[in-house]
Amino acid sequence: SMAAGDRLLLLLLLCDGVGRAEAGWRWEPKGAGAVAEKGNKFDAIDCKKCMTQVMRLLVPANRGCAAGNGTVVPSSTNSRVPTAYCDTLLPKKRQCTAFSFGIDNVWDMDKALVKIGCRVVSFDPFCCGSAHRIGENHEFVPLGLATYDGLATSDAAHGNTTFPVMSLRSLMSSFETPKLDVLRMKVSSPLEWKGLKNLINVGIIQEIRQLSLNLHLRDADMWDEYKTILTSLKGAGFFPYYVSKQPDAQYLDIQEGTTSLHSRYEVSYGNTY
């Protein structure tokens, strides 16, 4: 079988338009894996319940990070709230390793982790040029994260273009990383939520010490899935220690006491197992 490093090289060649290898590759068309739309009023009632459960699952607790809400990384843009990582979950006797997916030209977390001595690989198929070394301990790779190695088609916002993707397991193998100390991900589209679900289902989530998620709860027909995935994340031992709603988040008309539900969050989780 093809080594993960060779796969990575081949995908980057595909990305640069040098060639197209069909054999052994999977291509997932746009929208594949999206949950079918639910239409009746009973689902709508269920959905309200799901929304309340999602809100409760996004309440931060110190259990996720012994240092309380962790180390907050200031935001370089007014359109994003600060991010956070948990210092006490970083290794003391070896270099920490972080993967960051969906940069969208905002490098705050990536640069903060490089600054404290982590090795960081930043991934985004839609920004920032071809694969290159940004600086010491910091690399950029124009790839997306998926449940398979191959090609995917972007949404209309990114011009319906074809782009290379790899699974987290393949990427960890390519970069010779048996454990990830920090995984940062944008989780917005159904495909990205499916990717997070897959990390939990295949068990690789246990090779990750902490998660930093740019969460977007955007699809009306996905609330049951959002609830299921965030419940599974808790079941895998991940607890949120930092939760902050984005400046452009919509209030979703769900409230319990002082806790309310919004459409976009920055959330950091610690693995308590």
Protein backbone atom coordinates (compact mmCIF):
# COMPACT_ATOMS: atom_id res chain seq x y z
CA SER A 1 0.00 0.00 0.00
CA MET A 2 1.09 3.56 -0.66
CA ALA A 3 2.91 5.17 2.27
CA ALA A 4 1.20 8.17 3.80
CA GLY A 5 4.14 10.42 2.87
CA ASP A 6 3.83 9.38 -0.77
CA ARG A 7 0.09 10.00 -0.62
CA LEU A 8 0.70 13.48 0.72
CA LEU A 9 3.19 14.21 -2.07
CA LEU A 10 0.82 12.89 -4.72
CA LEU A 11 -2.08 14.95 -3.36
CA LEU A 12 0.03 18.09 -3.41
CA LEU A 13 0.98 17.35 -7.03
CA LEU A 14 -2.73 16.97 -7.80
CA CYS A 15 -3.35 20.23 -6.03
CA ASP A 16 -0.83 22.01 -8.25
CA GLY A 17 -2.45 20.51 -11.33
CA VAL A 18 0.60 18.42 -12.26
CA GLY A 19 -1.37 15.22 -12.66
CA ARG A 20 -4.53 13.34 -11.76
CA ALA A 21 -4.35 9.83 -10.35
CA GLU A 22 -7.67 8.02 -10.34
CA ALA A 23 -6.64 4.56 -9.12
CA GLY A 24 -7.14 4.02 -5.40
CA TRP A 25 -8.48 7.53 -4.86
CA ARG A 26 -11.89 8.48 -3.75
CA TRP A 27 -13.75 11.54 -4.89
CA GLU A 28 -16.67 12.80 -2.87
CA PRO A 29 -19.02 15.16 -4.69
CA LYS A 30 -20.25 18.38 -3.15
CA GLY A 31 -22.87 17.89 -0.45
CA ALA A 32 -22.14 14.19 0.01
CA GLY A 33 -22.75 13.13 3.57
CA ALA A 34 -25.20 15.94 4.26
CA VAL A 35 -28.13 14.91 6.41
CA ALA A 36 -31.41 14.71 4.49
CA GLU A 37 -33.76 17.58 5.22
CA LYS A 38 -36.49 16.90 7.72
CA GLY A 39 -39.80 18.44 6.90
CA ASN A 40 -42.54 17.64 9.39
CA LYS A 41 -43.54 19.60 12.49
CA PHE A 42 -42.63 16.75 14.89
CA ASP A 43 -39.01 17.00 13.73
CA ALA A 44 -39.18 20.73 14.32
CA ILE A 45 -40.26 20.08 17.94
CA ASP A 46 -37.49 17.49 18.36
CA CYS A 47 -35.11 20.02 16.93
CA LYS A 48 -35.96 22.61 19.59
CA LYS A 49 -35.06 19.99 22.19
CA CYS A 50 -31.81 19.26 20.33
CA MET A 51 -30.99 22.97 20.31
CA THR A 52 -31.39 23.18 24.10
CA GLN A 53 -29.15 20.12 24.52
CA VAL A 54 -26.49 21.63 22.24
CA MET A 55 -26.60 24.83 24.33
CA ARG A 56 -26.04 22.81 27.54
CA LEU A 57 -23.17 20.88 25.90
CA LEU A 58 -21.43 24.20 25.16
CA VAL A 59 -21.29 25.41 28.77
CA PRO A 60 -17.61 25.63 29.82
CA ALA A 61 -16.30 23.81 32.90
CA ASN A 62 -12.89 23.79 34.61
CA ARG A 63 -12.81 20.01 34.27
CA GLY A 64 -11.55 20.40 30.66
CA CYS A 65 -8.40 22.23 31.75
CA ALA A 66 -6.76 22.23 35.18
CA ALA A 67 -5.74 25.85 34.54
CA GLY A 68 -9.37 26.99 34.37
CA ASN A 69 -10.16 28.61 31.04
CA GLY A 70 -6.63 28.10 29.72
CA THR A 71 -4.32 30.55 27.98
CA VAL A 72 -6.31 33.02 25.89
CA VAL A 73 -4.79 34.01 22.53
CA PRO A 74 -5.80 37.56 21.49
CA SER A 75 -7.52 37.92 18.12
CA SER A 76 -5.87 39.94 15.34
CA THR A 77 -9.25 40.71 13.73
CA ASN A 78 -12.52 42.26 14.94
CA SER A 79 -14.47 39.52 13.16
CA ARG A 80 -13.17 36.79 15.53
CA VAL A 81 -13.09 36.35 19.28
CA PRO A 82 -9.85 35.18 20.96
CA THR A 83 -8.93 31.48 20.93
CA ALA A 84 -7.51 29.49 23.86
CA TYR A 85 -5.27 26.52 24.59
CA CYS A 86 -4.68 24.59 27.82
CA ASP A 87 -1.08 24.90 28.98
CA THR A 88 -1.40 22.08 31.54
CA LEU A 89 -2.33 19.59 28.77
CA LEU A 90 0.85 20.30 26.77
CA PRO A 91 3.75 17.81 27.14
CA LYS A 92 6.58 18.74 29.49
CA LYS A 93 9.27 16.32 28.27
CA ARG A 94 8.96 16.55 24.48
CA GLN A 95 8.04 19.09 21.80
CA CYS A 96 4.30 19.58 21.41
CA THR A 97 2.71 19.07 17.97
CA ALA A 98 -0.34 20.90 16.61
CA PHE A 99 -2.36 20.57 13.39
CA SER A 100 -4.57 23.48 12.38
CA PHE A 101 -7.25 23.14 9.66
CA GLY A 102 -9.15 25.93 7.90
CA ILE A 103 -6.84 28.92 8.51
CA ASP A 104 -8.83 31.40 6.41
CA ASN A 105 -5.89 33.83 6.77
CA VAL A 106 -6.25 34.06 10.58
CA TRP A 107 -3.03 32.70 12.13
CA ASP A 108 -3.47 33.70 15.80
CA MET A 109 -3.58 30.23 17.40
CA ASP A 110 -0.98 28.76 15.03
CA LYS A 111 1.54 31.54 15.73
CA ALA A 112 0.88 31.44 19.49
CA LEU A 113 1.67 27.71 19.58
CA VAL A 114 4.84 28.17 17.49
CA LYS A 115 5.89 30.91 19.92
CA ILE A 116 5.73 28.54 22.92
CA GLY A 117 7.86 25.97 21.04
CA CYS A 118 5.28 23.68 19.39
CA ARG A 119 5.72 22.20 15.95
CA VAL A 120 2.70 23.45 13.96
CA VAL A 121 1.35 22.33 10.58
CA SER A 122 -1.32 24.67 9.17
CA PHE A 123 -3.70 23.34 6.50
CA ASP A 124 -6.06 25.19 4.14
CA PRO A 125 -6.81 24.30 0.51
CA PHE A 126 -8.31 27.75 -0.20
CA CYS A 127 -5.74 30.22 1.03
CA CYS A 128 -2.10 30.99 1.43
CA GLY A 129 -0.49 29.46 -1.67
CA SER A 130 1.33 26.17 -2.20
CA ALA A 131 3.07 24.05 0.44
CA HIS A 132 5.83 26.02 2.14
CA ARG A 133 7.75 26.50 5.36
CA ILE A 134 6.52 29.58 7.19
CA GLY A 135 9.31 29.58 9.77
CA GLU A 136 11.07 27.38 12.28
CA ASN A 137 8.63 24.67 13.47
CA HIS A 138 5.84 26.00 11.21
CA GLU A 139 4.74 24.49 7.88
CA PHE A 140 1.80 25.23 5.58
CA VAL A 141 0.07 22.57 3.44
CA PRO A 142 -2.86 23.34 1.05
CA LEU A 143 -4.99 20.34 2.03
CA GLY A 144 -8.40 19.76 3.55
CA LEU A 145 -9.37 17.25 6.24
CA ALA A 146 -11.75 14.42 5.32
CA THR A 147 -12.64 10.84 6.26
CA TYR A 148 -10.62 9.53 3.27
CA ASP A 149 -7.58 10.37 1.10
CA GLY A 150 -8.44 11.81 -2.31
CA LEU A 151 -10.36 14.69 -3.82
CA ALA A 152 -13.41 16.66 -2.70
CA THR A 153 -15.46 19.45 -4.28
CA SER A 154 -15.84 22.73 -2.43
CA ASP A 155 -19.06 24.65 -1.86
CA ALA A 156 -20.16 27.63 -3.96
CA ALA A 157 -18.41 30.05 -1.58
CA HIS A 158 -15.10 28.54 -2.75
CA GLY A 159 -16.07 28.34 -6.42
CA ASN A 160 -17.06 24.64 -6.55
CA THR A 161 -13.41 23.74 -7.07
CA THR A 162 -11.83 20.32 -6.63
CA PHE A 163 -9.26 20.14 -3.85
CA PRO A 164 -7.11 17.43 -2.20
CA VAL A 165 -8.07 15.95 1.18
CA MET A 166 -6.56 13.43 3.57
CA SER A 167 -7.71 11.70 6.73
CA LEU A 168 -6.19 12.71 10.04
CA ARG A 169 -4.65 9.26 10.47
CA SER A 170 -2.84 9.54 7.11
CA LEU A 171 -1.60 13.03 7.94
CA MET A 172 -0.36 12.00 11.38
CA SER A 173 1.48 9.13 9.70
CA SER A 174 2.95 11.46 7.01
CA PHE A 175 4.28 13.85 9.64
CA GLU A 176 5.36 10.96 11.92
CA THR A 177 3.12 12.20 14.73
CA PRO A 178 1.70 9.37 16.89
CA LYS A 179 -0.10 11.86 19.15
CA LEU A 180 -1.47 15.37 18.55
CA ASP A 181 -1.25 17.77 21.46
CA VAL A 182 -3.55 20.35 19.82
CA LEU A 183 -5.98 19.93 16.94
CA ARG A 184 -7.58 23.11 15.62
CA MET A 185 -10.47 22.79 13.17
CA LYS A 186 -13.12 24.85 11.48
CA VAL A 187 -16.37 22.87 11.86
CA SER A 188 -19.07 24.52 9.78
CA SER A 189 -20.25 22.58 6.70
CA PRO A 190 -21.95 19.15 6.94
CA LEU A 191 -18.70 17.66 5.54
CA GLU A 192 -16.66 19.26 8.36
CA TRP A 193 -19.13 18.06 11.02
CA LYS A 194 -18.93 14.60 9.44
CA GLY A 195 -15.14 14.84 9.76
CA LEU A 196 -15.36 15.58 13.49
CA LYS A 197 -17.84 12.72 13.94
CA ASN A 198 -15.46 10.37 12.13
CA LEU A 199 -12.55 11.28 14.46
CA ILE A 200 -14.73 10.20 17.40
CA ASN A 201 -16.13 7.07 15.73
CA VAL A 202 -12.78 5.65 14.58
CA GLY A 203 -11.22 6.36 17.99
CA ILE A 204 -8.39 8.60 16.76
CA ILE A 205 -9.85 11.33 18.99
CA GLN A 206 -8.05 9.56 21.88
CA GLU A 207 -4.69 10.40 20.24
CA ILE A 208 -5.57 14.10 20.68
CA ARG A 209 -4.98 15.96 23.96
CA GLN A 210 -7.01 19.08 23.24
CA LEU A 211 -9.29 20.55 20.57
CA SER A 212 -9.72 24.14 19.44
CA LEU A 213 -12.89 24.45 17.33
CA ASN A 214 -14.25 27.30 15.24
CA LEU A 215 -17.86 26.05 15.42
CA HIS A 216 -20.71 27.11 13.17
CA LEU A 217 -24.22 25.78 13.83
CA ARG A 218 -25.63 26.88 10.50
CA ASP A 219 -27.98 24.20 9.13
CA ALA A 220 -31.60 23.92 10.33
CA ASP A 221 -31.73 20.21 9.46
CA MET A 222 -28.52 19.33 11.35
CA TRP A 223 -29.52 19.94 14.98
CA ASP A 224 -30.02 16.27 15.79
CA GLU A 225 -26.58 15.62 14.30
CA TYR A 226 -24.97 18.53 16.18
CA LYS A 227 -26.40 17.16 19.44
CA THR A 228 -25.24 13.60 18.62
CA ILE A 229 -21.69 14.66 17.71
CA LEU A 230 -21.20 16.99 20.72
CA THR A 231 -22.65 14.30 23.04
CA SER A 232 -20.21 11.75 21.55
CA LEU A 233 -17.35 14.19 22.10
CA LYS A 234 -18.29 14.41 25.78
CA GLY A 235 -18.54 10.61 25.89
CA ALA A 236 -14.97 10.46 24.54
CA GLY A 237 -13.81 12.49 27.56
CA PHE A 238 -13.68 15.96 26.00
CA PHE A 239 -14.99 18.85 28.09
CA PRO A 240 -15.15 22.51 26.98
CA TYR A 241 -13.14 24.86 29.17
CA TYR A 242 -13.36 27.95 26.93
CA VAL A 243 -16.50 28.99 25.00
CA SER A 244 -16.96 32.40 23.39
CA LYS A 245 -19.56 33.46 20.83
CA GLN A 246 -18.26 35.09 17.64
CA PRO A 247 -19.03 38.79 17.00
CA ASP A 248 -21.26 37.91 14.02
CA ALA A 249 -23.12 35.08 15.80
CA GLN A 250 -26.91 35.05 15.60
CA TYR A 251 -28.99 34.58 18.75
CA LEU A 252 -31.08 31.43 18.15
CA ASP A 253 -33.98 32.14 20.54
CA ILE A 254 -32.97 29.46 23.06
CA GLN A 255 -32.27 30.51 26.63
CA GLU A 256 -32.01 28.95 30.11
CA GLY A 257 -31.21 31.41 32.88
CA THR A 258 -28.14 33.35 31.77
CA THR A 259 -27.18 30.71 29.17
CA SER A 260 -28.27 31.33 25.57
CA LEU A 261 -27.62 29.66 22.21
CA HIS A 262 -25.89 31.35 19.27
CA SER A 263 -24.87 30.24 15.77
CA ARG A 264 -21.07 30.65 15.96
CA TYR A 265 -18.57 29.92 18.71
CA GLU A 266 -14.93 29.53 19.49
CA VAL A 267 -14.68 26.44 21.73
CA SER A 268 -11.65 24.77 23.36
CA TYR A 269 -11.88 21.23 24.78
CA GLY A 270 -9.55 19.24 27.00
CA ASN A 271 -9.29 15.44 26.86
CA THR A 272 -9.87 14.29 30.45
CA TYR A 273 -9.12 10.60 29.76
